[in-house]
């Protein structure tokens, strides 16, 4: 089960809105969705969780590039919403790299049915690390430090973040 919400920081405090990610295919789409949540260039947080597996925080400040934190990259990689957050840059890969140069492969027809991908995400050039990735300081100035963010459990992380921000009531209204 997934939950996604937008928290927009305004002059009057935080405003929350439930959000559907069905039409979001890229991080740019997600950033645009966040920017649409506020008329000003206020801070907007996109909070995403998959129960008991992982959570992610995307911070959008005006037209700046989004800042991302994902609690467990390997778990998020198995999720369509997680894949949106796990950009090549976040994972330390070459942009657009798929781990294989098609010109150098010996394609003899035996690869049908073989994905060529290692079943274990912990090996190979495109390995997705188990554990957190991204900017663990994404919420520092809002009251959630790196150490606290890294210590949060996936099952109650968004609630703990909202409490630290003083936004728990508005988040609960959209839950």
N, C-alpha and C. Protein backbone atom coordinates (compact mmCIF):
# COMPACT_ATOMS: atom_id res chain seq x y z
N UNK A 1 0.84 -1.18 0.00
CA UNK A 1 0.00 0.00 0.00
C UNK A 1 0.88 1.23 0.00
N UNK A 2 0.56 2.17 -0.86
CA UNK A 2 1.32 3.40 -0.98
C UNK A 2 0.54 4.57 -0.42
N UNK A 3 1.28 5.56 0.01
CA UNK A 3 0.69 6.83 0.41
C UNK A 3 1.61 7.92 -0.09
N UNK A 4 1.03 8.94 -0.70
CA UNK A 4 1.80 10.08 -1.17
C UNK A 4 1.04 11.36 -0.83
N UNK A 5 1.77 12.34 -0.34
CA UNK A 5 1.15 13.62 0.01
C UNK A 5 2.11 14.75 -0.30
N UNK A 6 1.54 15.91 -0.55
CA UNK A 6 2.32 17.13 -0.73
C UNK A 6 2.13 17.99 0.50
N UNK A 7 3.22 18.51 1.03
CA UNK A 7 3.17 19.49 2.11
C UNK A 7 3.78 20.77 1.58
N UNK A 8 2.96 21.81 1.49
CA UNK A 8 3.43 23.11 0.99
C UNK A 8 3.56 24.07 2.15
N UNK A 9 4.71 24.69 2.27
CA UNK A 9 4.96 25.65 3.34
C UNK A 9 4.46 27.01 2.88
N UNK A 10 3.57 27.59 3.67
CA UNK A 10 3.00 28.90 3.34
C UNK A 10 3.24 29.85 4.50
N UNK A 11 2.82 31.09 4.33
CA UNK A 11 2.93 32.07 5.41
C UNK A 11 2.12 31.63 6.62
N UNK A 12 1.05 30.90 6.39
CA UNK A 12 0.15 30.47 7.47
C UNK A 12 0.52 29.11 8.04
N UNK A 13 1.61 28.53 7.61
CA UNK A 13 2.00 27.20 8.07
C UNK A 13 1.99 26.21 6.92
N UNK A 14 1.88 24.95 7.25
CA UNK A 14 1.91 23.90 6.24
C UNK A 14 0.50 23.58 5.76
N UNK A 15 0.38 23.35 4.46
CA UNK A 15 -0.87 22.88 3.86
C UNK A 15 -0.59 21.54 3.22
N UNK A 16 -1.47 20.59 3.45
CA UNK A 16 -1.28 19.25 2.91
C UNK A 16 -2.33 18.94 1.86
N UNK A 17 -1.91 18.13 0.89
CA UNK A 17 -2.87 17.62 -0.08
C UNK A 17 -2.46 16.21 -0.47
N UNK A 18 -3.46 15.36 -0.56
CA UNK A 18 -3.26 14.00 -1.02
C UNK A 18 -2.94 14.10 -2.50
N UNK A 19 -2.08 13.27 -2.99
CA UNK A 19 -1.73 13.37 -4.39
C UNK A 19 -1.71 12.01 -5.06
N UNK A 20 -2.15 12.00 -6.28
CA UNK A 20 -2.12 10.80 -7.10
C UNK A 20 -0.87 10.85 -7.96
N UNK A 21 -0.12 9.78 -7.98
CA UNK A 21 1.11 9.74 -8.76
C UNK A 21 0.95 8.91 -10.03
N UNK A 22 -0.28 8.54 -10.37
CA UNK A 22 -0.51 7.70 -11.54
C UNK A 22 -0.02 8.33 -12.84
N UNK A 23 -0.11 9.66 -12.96
CA UNK A 23 0.32 10.33 -14.18
C UNK A 23 1.76 10.82 -14.12
N UNK A 24 2.44 10.57 -13.02
CA UNK A 24 3.82 10.99 -12.84
C UNK A 24 4.74 9.88 -13.34
N UNK A 25 5.57 10.22 -14.32
CA UNK A 25 6.47 9.21 -14.89
C UNK A 25 7.93 9.51 -14.62
N UNK A 26 8.26 10.78 -14.34
CA UNK A 26 9.65 11.16 -14.13
C UNK A 26 9.77 12.07 -12.92
N UNK A 27 10.99 12.28 -12.49
CA UNK A 27 11.24 13.21 -11.39
C UNK A 27 10.83 14.62 -11.79
N UNK A 28 11.02 14.98 -13.04
CA UNK A 28 10.60 16.31 -13.52
C UNK A 28 9.09 16.48 -13.40
N UNK A 29 8.33 15.43 -13.73
CA UNK A 29 6.87 15.47 -13.57
C UNK A 29 6.50 15.68 -12.10
N UNK A 30 7.20 14.98 -11.22
CA UNK A 30 6.93 15.09 -9.79
C UNK A 30 7.26 16.49 -9.28
N UNK A 31 8.37 17.06 -9.74
CA UNK A 31 8.75 18.42 -9.34
C UNK A 31 7.72 19.43 -9.84
N UNK A 32 7.24 19.25 -11.06
CA UNK A 32 6.20 20.15 -11.60
C UNK A 32 4.92 20.06 -10.78
N UNK A 33 4.54 18.85 -10.39
CA UNK A 33 3.37 18.65 -9.55
C UNK A 33 3.53 19.38 -8.22
N UNK A 34 4.71 19.29 -7.65
CA UNK A 34 4.98 19.98 -6.38
C UNK A 34 4.91 21.49 -6.55
N UNK A 35 5.48 21.99 -7.62
CA UNK A 35 5.46 23.45 -7.86
C UNK A 35 4.05 23.97 -8.06
N UNK A 36 3.17 23.16 -8.60
CA UNK A 36 1.78 23.56 -8.81
C UNK A 36 1.00 23.65 -7.49
N UNK A 37 1.55 23.08 -6.42
CA UNK A 37 0.85 23.06 -5.14
C UNK A 37 0.89 24.40 -4.42
N UNK A 38 1.69 25.32 -4.90
CA UNK A 38 1.80 26.63 -4.25
C UNK A 38 1.90 27.72 -5.30
N UNK A 39 1.27 28.85 -5.02
CA UNK A 39 1.31 29.98 -5.94
C UNK A 39 2.66 30.69 -5.86
N UNK A 40 3.28 30.64 -4.70
CA UNK A 40 4.58 31.27 -4.49
C UNK A 40 5.67 30.25 -4.78
N UNK A 41 6.91 30.66 -4.54
CA UNK A 41 8.02 29.73 -4.68
C UNK A 41 8.37 29.15 -3.33
N UNK A 42 7.34 28.77 -2.58
CA UNK A 42 7.52 28.21 -1.25
C UNK A 42 8.09 26.80 -1.33
N UNK A 43 8.56 26.33 -0.20
CA UNK A 43 9.05 24.96 -0.08
C UNK A 43 7.88 23.99 -0.16
N UNK A 44 8.03 22.97 -0.99
CA UNK A 44 7.04 21.91 -1.07
C UNK A 44 7.76 20.58 -0.87
N UNK A 45 7.18 19.76 0.00
CA UNK A 45 7.71 18.43 0.24
C UNK A 45 6.75 17.41 -0.34
N UNK A 46 7.30 16.45 -1.07
CA UNK A 46 6.51 15.31 -1.52
C UNK A 46 6.95 14.16 -0.63
N UNK A 47 6.00 13.61 0.09
CA UNK A 47 6.27 12.49 1.00
C UNK A 47 5.63 11.25 0.42
N UNK A 48 6.43 10.20 0.25
CA UNK A 48 5.94 8.96 -0.34
C UNK A 48 6.37 7.81 0.57
N UNK A 49 5.45 6.88 0.79
CA UNK A 49 5.83 5.70 1.56
C UNK A 49 5.16 4.45 0.99
N UNK A 50 5.87 3.37 1.11
CA UNK A 50 5.29 2.06 0.89
C UNK A 50 5.37 1.38 2.24
N UNK A 51 4.22 1.01 2.77
CA UNK A 51 4.14 0.46 4.13
C UNK A 51 5.25 -0.53 4.43
N UNK A 52 5.92 -0.29 5.53
CA UNK A 52 6.93 -1.19 6.09
C UNK A 52 8.10 -1.49 5.14
N UNK A 53 8.23 -0.78 4.02
CA UNK A 53 9.32 -1.10 3.09
C UNK A 53 10.28 0.07 2.91
N UNK A 54 9.78 1.23 2.57
CA UNK A 54 10.64 2.39 2.32
C UNK A 54 9.81 3.67 2.34
N UNK A 55 10.52 4.80 2.48
CA UNK A 55 9.88 6.10 2.33
C UNK A 55 10.84 7.02 1.59
N UNK A 56 10.25 8.04 0.98
CA UNK A 56 11.05 9.01 0.26
C UNK A 56 10.55 10.41 0.53
N UNK A 57 11.49 11.36 0.49
CA UNK A 57 11.18 12.77 0.64
C UNK A 57 11.78 13.49 -0.55
N UNK A 58 10.95 14.26 -1.24
CA UNK A 58 11.43 15.10 -2.33
C UNK A 58 11.13 16.53 -1.92
N UNK A 59 12.15 17.37 -1.93
CA UNK A 59 11.98 18.77 -1.56
C UNK A 59 12.17 19.62 -2.79
N UNK A 60 11.18 20.49 -3.02
CA UNK A 60 11.24 21.41 -4.15
C UNK A 60 11.13 22.82 -3.60
N UNK A 61 12.17 23.61 -3.84
CA UNK A 61 12.21 25.01 -3.44
C UNK A 61 12.22 25.87 -4.69
N UNK A 62 11.06 26.40 -5.06
CA UNK A 62 10.96 27.23 -6.25
C UNK A 62 11.41 26.48 -7.49
N UNK A 63 12.27 27.11 -8.25
CA UNK A 63 12.74 26.50 -9.50
C UNK A 63 14.04 25.71 -9.34
N UNK A 64 14.51 25.57 -8.10
CA UNK A 64 15.73 24.80 -7.86
C UNK A 64 15.48 23.32 -8.18
N UNK A 65 16.57 22.60 -8.44
CA UNK A 65 16.47 21.16 -8.66
C UNK A 65 15.93 20.49 -7.39
N UNK A 66 15.11 19.47 -7.55
CA UNK A 66 14.59 18.76 -6.39
C UNK A 66 15.72 18.09 -5.60
N UNK A 67 15.55 18.06 -4.30
CA UNK A 67 16.47 17.33 -3.41
C UNK A 67 15.72 16.09 -2.95
N UNK A 68 16.40 14.95 -2.95
CA UNK A 68 15.74 13.66 -2.73
C UNK A 68 16.44 12.87 -1.64
N UNK A 69 15.64 12.20 -0.83
CA UNK A 69 16.15 11.22 0.12
C UNK A 69 15.24 9.99 0.04
N UNK A 70 15.84 8.81 -0.07
CA UNK A 70 15.10 7.55 -0.10
C UNK A 70 15.69 6.66 0.99
N UNK A 71 14.83 6.12 1.84
CA UNK A 71 15.30 5.35 3.00
C UNK A 71 15.92 4.00 2.65
N UNK A 72 15.46 3.36 1.59
CA UNK A 72 16.01 2.06 1.18
C UNK A 72 15.91 1.96 -0.33
N UNK A 73 17.01 2.19 -0.99
CA UNK A 73 17.02 2.23 -2.46
C UNK A 73 16.62 0.90 -3.07
N UNK A 74 17.11 -0.21 -2.51
CA UNK A 74 16.79 -1.52 -3.09
C UNK A 74 15.29 -1.80 -3.01
N UNK A 75 14.67 -1.47 -1.89
CA UNK A 75 13.23 -1.67 -1.76
C UNK A 75 12.47 -0.74 -2.69
N UNK A 76 12.91 0.51 -2.79
CA UNK A 76 12.25 1.48 -3.66
C UNK A 76 12.39 1.09 -5.13
N UNK A 77 13.49 0.45 -5.49
CA UNK A 77 13.72 0.06 -6.89
C UNK A 77 12.70 -0.97 -7.36
N UNK A 78 12.08 -1.66 -6.44
CA UNK A 78 11.06 -2.66 -6.80
C UNK A 78 9.67 -2.04 -6.89
N UNK A 79 9.60 -0.74 -6.80
CA UNK A 79 8.33 -0.02 -6.80
C UNK A 79 8.31 0.99 -7.94
N UNK A 80 7.17 1.12 -8.60
CA UNK A 80 7.09 2.08 -9.70
C UNK A 80 7.29 3.51 -9.20
N UNK A 81 6.80 3.82 -8.00
CA UNK A 81 6.99 5.17 -7.47
C UNK A 81 8.44 5.38 -7.05
N UNK A 82 9.04 4.35 -6.51
CA UNK A 82 10.44 4.44 -6.10
C UNK A 82 11.35 4.67 -7.28
N UNK A 83 11.04 4.02 -8.39
CA UNK A 83 11.87 4.18 -9.59
C UNK A 83 11.89 5.63 -10.08
N UNK A 84 10.83 6.38 -9.82
CA UNK A 84 10.79 7.79 -10.20
C UNK A 84 11.87 8.56 -9.45
N UNK A 85 12.07 8.22 -8.18
CA UNK A 85 13.01 8.94 -7.33
C UNK A 85 14.46 8.51 -7.54
N UNK A 86 14.67 7.28 -7.95
CA UNK A 86 16.01 6.73 -8.06
C UNK A 86 16.65 7.08 -9.40
N UNK A 87 17.03 8.32 -9.51
CA UNK A 87 17.66 8.80 -10.74
C UNK A 87 19.09 8.29 -10.83
N UNK A 88 19.66 8.32 -12.02
CA UNK A 88 21.05 7.93 -12.20
C UNK A 88 21.96 8.76 -11.31
N UNK A 89 21.70 10.05 -11.24
CA UNK A 89 22.52 10.94 -10.41
C UNK A 89 22.46 10.53 -8.94
N UNK A 90 21.27 10.22 -8.45
CA UNK A 90 21.10 9.83 -7.06
C UNK A 90 21.87 8.54 -6.76
N UNK A 91 21.90 7.63 -7.72
CA UNK A 91 22.57 6.35 -7.54
C UNK A 91 24.04 6.38 -7.94
N UNK A 92 24.53 7.54 -8.38
CA UNK A 92 25.93 7.67 -8.75
C UNK A 92 26.28 7.01 -10.07
N UNK A 93 25.33 6.94 -10.97
CA UNK A 93 25.55 6.34 -12.29
C UNK A 93 25.73 7.43 -13.33
N UNK A 94 26.27 7.03 -14.46
CA UNK A 94 26.34 7.93 -15.60
C UNK A 94 24.93 8.18 -16.11
N UNK A 95 24.53 9.44 -16.33
CA UNK A 95 23.18 9.71 -16.84
C UNK A 95 22.92 8.97 -18.14
N UNK A 96 21.75 8.31 -18.19
CA UNK A 96 21.35 7.60 -19.40
C UNK A 96 22.03 6.26 -19.57
N UNK A 97 22.97 5.95 -18.67
CA UNK A 97 23.67 4.68 -18.78
C UNK A 97 22.76 3.53 -18.39
N UNK A 98 22.81 2.47 -19.16
CA UNK A 98 22.00 1.31 -18.81
C UNK A 98 22.89 0.12 -18.46
N UNK A 99 24.18 0.42 -18.29
CA UNK A 99 25.09 -0.64 -17.88
C UNK A 99 25.59 -1.50 -19.02
N UNK A 100 25.14 -1.25 -20.25
CA UNK A 100 25.57 -2.09 -21.37
C UNK A 100 25.69 -1.24 -22.64
N UNK A 101 26.76 -1.46 -23.36
CA UNK A 101 26.94 -0.84 -24.66
C UNK A 101 26.48 -1.85 -25.69
N UNK A 102 25.35 -1.58 -26.34
CA UNK A 102 24.76 -2.57 -27.25
C UNK A 102 25.69 -2.96 -28.38
N UNK A 103 26.57 -2.06 -28.81
CA UNK A 103 27.50 -2.40 -29.89
C UNK A 103 28.52 -3.45 -29.46
N UNK A 104 28.82 -3.51 -28.16
CA UNK A 104 29.84 -4.44 -27.70
C UNK A 104 29.26 -5.79 -27.27
N UNK A 105 27.95 -5.94 -27.29
CA UNK A 105 27.34 -7.20 -26.88
C UNK A 105 27.36 -8.21 -28.01
N UNK A 106 27.55 -9.46 -27.64
CA UNK A 106 27.49 -10.55 -28.60
C UNK A 106 26.09 -11.14 -28.54
N UNK A 107 25.20 -10.63 -29.38
CA UNK A 107 23.81 -11.08 -29.37
C UNK A 107 23.66 -12.21 -30.37
N UNK A 108 23.59 -13.43 -29.84
CA UNK A 108 23.51 -14.59 -30.72
C UNK A 108 22.14 -15.25 -30.70
N UNK A 109 21.14 -14.59 -30.09
CA UNK A 109 19.79 -15.14 -30.08
C UNK A 109 19.49 -15.98 -28.86
N UNK A 110 20.50 -16.30 -28.07
CA UNK A 110 20.27 -17.14 -26.89
C UNK A 110 19.77 -16.33 -25.70
N UNK A 111 19.73 -15.02 -25.86
CA UNK A 111 19.33 -14.19 -24.72
C UNK A 111 17.82 -14.06 -24.56
N UNK A 112 17.02 -14.63 -25.47
CA UNK A 112 15.57 -14.57 -25.31
C UNK A 112 15.17 -15.19 -23.98
N UNK A 113 14.34 -14.47 -23.25
CA UNK A 113 13.89 -14.95 -21.95
C UNK A 113 14.88 -14.69 -20.84
N UNK A 114 16.08 -14.25 -21.19
CA UNK A 114 17.08 -13.90 -20.18
C UNK A 114 17.18 -12.39 -20.14
N UNK A 115 16.82 -11.83 -19.02
CA UNK A 115 16.81 -10.38 -18.93
C UNK A 115 18.21 -9.80 -18.94
N UNK A 116 19.21 -10.63 -18.65
CA UNK A 116 20.57 -10.13 -18.61
C UNK A 116 20.84 -9.38 -17.31
N UNK A 117 19.84 -9.25 -16.49
CA UNK A 117 19.98 -8.52 -15.24
C UNK A 117 20.25 -9.52 -14.14
N UNK A 118 21.08 -9.14 -13.24
CA UNK A 118 21.36 -9.94 -12.07
C UNK A 118 20.15 -9.91 -11.17
N UNK A 119 19.69 -11.05 -10.71
CA UNK A 119 18.54 -11.09 -9.82
C UNK A 119 18.86 -10.41 -8.50
N UNK A 120 20.12 -10.46 -8.09
CA UNK A 120 20.54 -9.82 -6.85
C UNK A 120 20.92 -8.38 -7.16
N UNK A 121 20.17 -7.44 -6.62
CA UNK A 121 20.42 -6.04 -6.93
C UNK A 121 21.72 -5.54 -6.30
N UNK A 122 22.36 -6.34 -5.48
CA UNK A 122 23.56 -5.90 -4.79
C UNK A 122 24.82 -6.11 -5.58
N UNK A 123 24.76 -6.60 -6.83
CA UNK A 123 25.96 -6.83 -7.62
C UNK A 123 25.81 -6.21 -8.99
N UNK A 124 26.92 -6.05 -9.67
CA UNK A 124 26.89 -5.54 -11.03
C UNK A 124 27.02 -4.04 -11.08
N UNK A 125 27.26 -3.51 -12.28
CA UNK A 125 27.51 -2.08 -12.44
C UNK A 125 26.28 -1.21 -12.16
N UNK A 126 25.10 -1.77 -12.30
CA UNK A 126 23.88 -1.00 -12.05
C UNK A 126 23.23 -1.39 -10.74
N UNK A 127 24.02 -1.89 -9.81
CA UNK A 127 23.49 -2.32 -8.52
C UNK A 127 22.82 -1.16 -7.79
N UNK A 128 21.73 -1.47 -7.16
CA UNK A 128 21.03 -0.49 -6.34
C UNK A 128 21.36 -0.84 -4.90
N UNK A 129 21.92 0.11 -4.15
CA UNK A 129 22.34 -0.21 -2.79
C UNK A 129 21.17 -0.49 -1.85
N UNK A 130 21.41 -1.38 -0.92
CA UNK A 130 20.46 -1.60 0.16
C UNK A 130 20.74 -0.49 1.17
N UNK A 131 19.71 0.19 1.59
CA UNK A 131 19.89 1.28 2.54
C UNK A 131 19.62 2.63 1.91
N UNK A 132 19.84 3.69 2.69
CA UNK A 132 19.47 5.03 2.26
C UNK A 132 20.37 5.60 1.16
N UNK A 133 19.76 6.42 0.31
CA UNK A 133 20.51 7.18 -0.70
C UNK A 133 19.93 8.59 -0.75
N UNK A 134 20.74 9.50 -1.25
CA UNK A 134 20.25 10.85 -1.45
C UNK A 134 20.74 11.82 -0.39
N UNK A 135 20.06 12.93 -0.31
CA UNK A 135 20.43 14.04 0.54
C UNK A 135 19.80 13.89 1.92
N UNK A 136 20.55 13.33 2.86
CA UNK A 136 20.03 13.10 4.21
C UNK A 136 19.88 14.41 4.98
N UNK A 137 20.37 15.51 4.43
CA UNK A 137 20.22 16.82 5.07
C UNK A 137 19.06 17.61 4.47
N UNK A 138 18.21 16.94 3.72
CA UNK A 138 17.12 17.58 2.99
C UNK A 138 16.17 18.34 3.91
N UNK A 139 16.06 17.91 5.16
CA UNK A 139 15.12 18.54 6.10
C UNK A 139 15.81 19.22 7.28
N UNK A 140 17.14 19.35 7.23
CA UNK A 140 17.89 19.94 8.34
C UNK A 140 17.33 21.27 8.81
N UNK A 141 17.12 22.19 7.88
CA UNK A 141 16.66 23.54 8.25
C UNK A 141 15.21 23.56 8.69
N UNK A 142 14.52 22.44 8.55
CA UNK A 142 13.11 22.34 8.95
C UNK A 142 12.94 21.57 10.26
N UNK A 143 14.05 21.16 10.87
CA UNK A 143 13.98 20.52 12.18
C UNK A 143 14.17 19.02 12.21
N UNK A 144 14.46 18.41 11.07
CA UNK A 144 14.73 16.97 11.04
C UNK A 144 16.15 16.79 10.52
N UNK A 145 17.06 16.50 11.45
CA UNK A 145 18.47 16.35 11.10
C UNK A 145 18.76 15.04 10.40
N UNK A 146 19.97 14.97 9.85
CA UNK A 146 20.40 13.78 9.11
C UNK A 146 20.33 12.53 9.97
N UNK A 147 20.84 12.60 11.19
CA UNK A 147 20.84 11.42 12.06
C UNK A 147 19.42 10.95 12.35
N UNK A 148 18.52 11.89 12.62
CA UNK A 148 17.13 11.54 12.89
C UNK A 148 16.46 10.94 11.66
N UNK A 149 16.69 11.54 10.50
CA UNK A 149 16.07 11.05 9.26
C UNK A 149 16.53 9.62 8.96
N UNK A 150 17.81 9.37 9.10
CA UNK A 150 18.35 8.03 8.83
C UNK A 150 17.85 6.98 9.82
N UNK A 151 17.45 7.41 11.02
CA UNK A 151 17.02 6.45 12.03
C UNK A 151 15.52 6.12 11.97
N UNK A 152 14.77 6.80 11.11
CA UNK A 152 13.33 6.58 11.04
C UNK A 152 12.99 5.24 10.41
N UNK A 153 11.99 4.58 10.97
CA UNK A 153 11.46 3.34 10.39
C UNK A 153 10.46 3.70 9.30
N UNK A 154 10.41 2.88 8.27
CA UNK A 154 9.50 3.14 7.14
C UNK A 154 8.04 3.18 7.56
N UNK A 155 7.68 2.43 8.60
CA UNK A 155 6.26 2.34 8.96
C UNK A 155 5.72 3.59 9.65
N UNK A 156 6.58 4.43 10.24
CA UNK A 156 6.08 5.64 10.91
C UNK A 156 6.87 6.89 10.55
N UNK A 157 7.67 6.83 9.51
CA UNK A 157 8.55 7.93 9.16
C UNK A 157 7.80 9.22 8.80
N UNK A 158 6.78 9.11 7.97
CA UNK A 158 6.08 10.33 7.53
C UNK A 158 5.38 11.01 8.70
N UNK A 159 4.87 10.23 9.62
CA UNK A 159 4.24 10.80 10.81
C UNK A 159 5.28 11.53 11.65
N UNK A 160 6.44 10.92 11.84
CA UNK A 160 7.50 11.54 12.62
C UNK A 160 8.01 12.82 11.95
N UNK A 161 8.15 12.80 10.64
CA UNK A 161 8.59 13.99 9.91
C UNK A 161 7.55 15.10 10.07
N UNK A 162 6.29 14.77 9.87
CA UNK A 162 5.22 15.76 9.99
C UNK A 162 5.17 16.36 11.39
N UNK A 163 5.36 15.53 12.41
CA UNK A 163 5.38 16.04 13.78
C UNK A 163 6.51 17.03 13.98
N UNK A 164 7.69 16.71 13.49
CA UNK A 164 8.84 17.60 13.62
C UNK A 164 8.62 18.93 12.89
N UNK A 165 7.88 18.88 11.80
CA UNK A 165 7.60 20.09 11.02
C UNK A 165 6.44 20.90 11.61
N UNK A 166 5.71 20.31 12.53
CA UNK A 166 4.51 20.94 13.06
C UNK A 166 3.34 20.82 12.09
N UNK A 167 3.36 19.75 11.29
CA UNK A 167 2.35 19.56 10.25
C UNK A 167 1.59 18.25 10.40
N UNK A 168 1.65 17.64 11.59
CA UNK A 168 1.02 16.33 11.73
C UNK A 168 -0.49 16.38 11.56
N UNK A 169 -1.13 17.43 12.03
CA UNK A 169 -2.59 17.52 11.89
C UNK A 169 -3.00 17.65 10.43
N UNK A 170 -2.29 18.49 9.66
CA UNK A 170 -2.67 18.66 8.25
C UNK A 170 -2.36 17.41 7.44
N UNK A 171 -1.30 16.69 7.80
CA UNK A 171 -0.99 15.46 7.10
C UNK A 171 -2.04 14.40 7.38
N UNK A 172 -2.49 14.31 8.61
CA UNK A 172 -3.51 13.32 8.97
C UNK A 172 -4.84 13.57 8.27
N UNK A 173 -5.10 14.82 7.92
CA UNK A 173 -6.37 15.12 7.23
C UNK A 173 -6.41 14.52 5.83
N UNK A 174 -5.25 14.29 5.24
CA UNK A 174 -5.22 13.72 3.88
C UNK A 174 -4.88 12.23 3.86
N UNK A 175 -4.55 11.70 4.99
CA UNK A 175 -4.18 10.27 5.09
C UNK A 175 -5.36 9.38 4.89
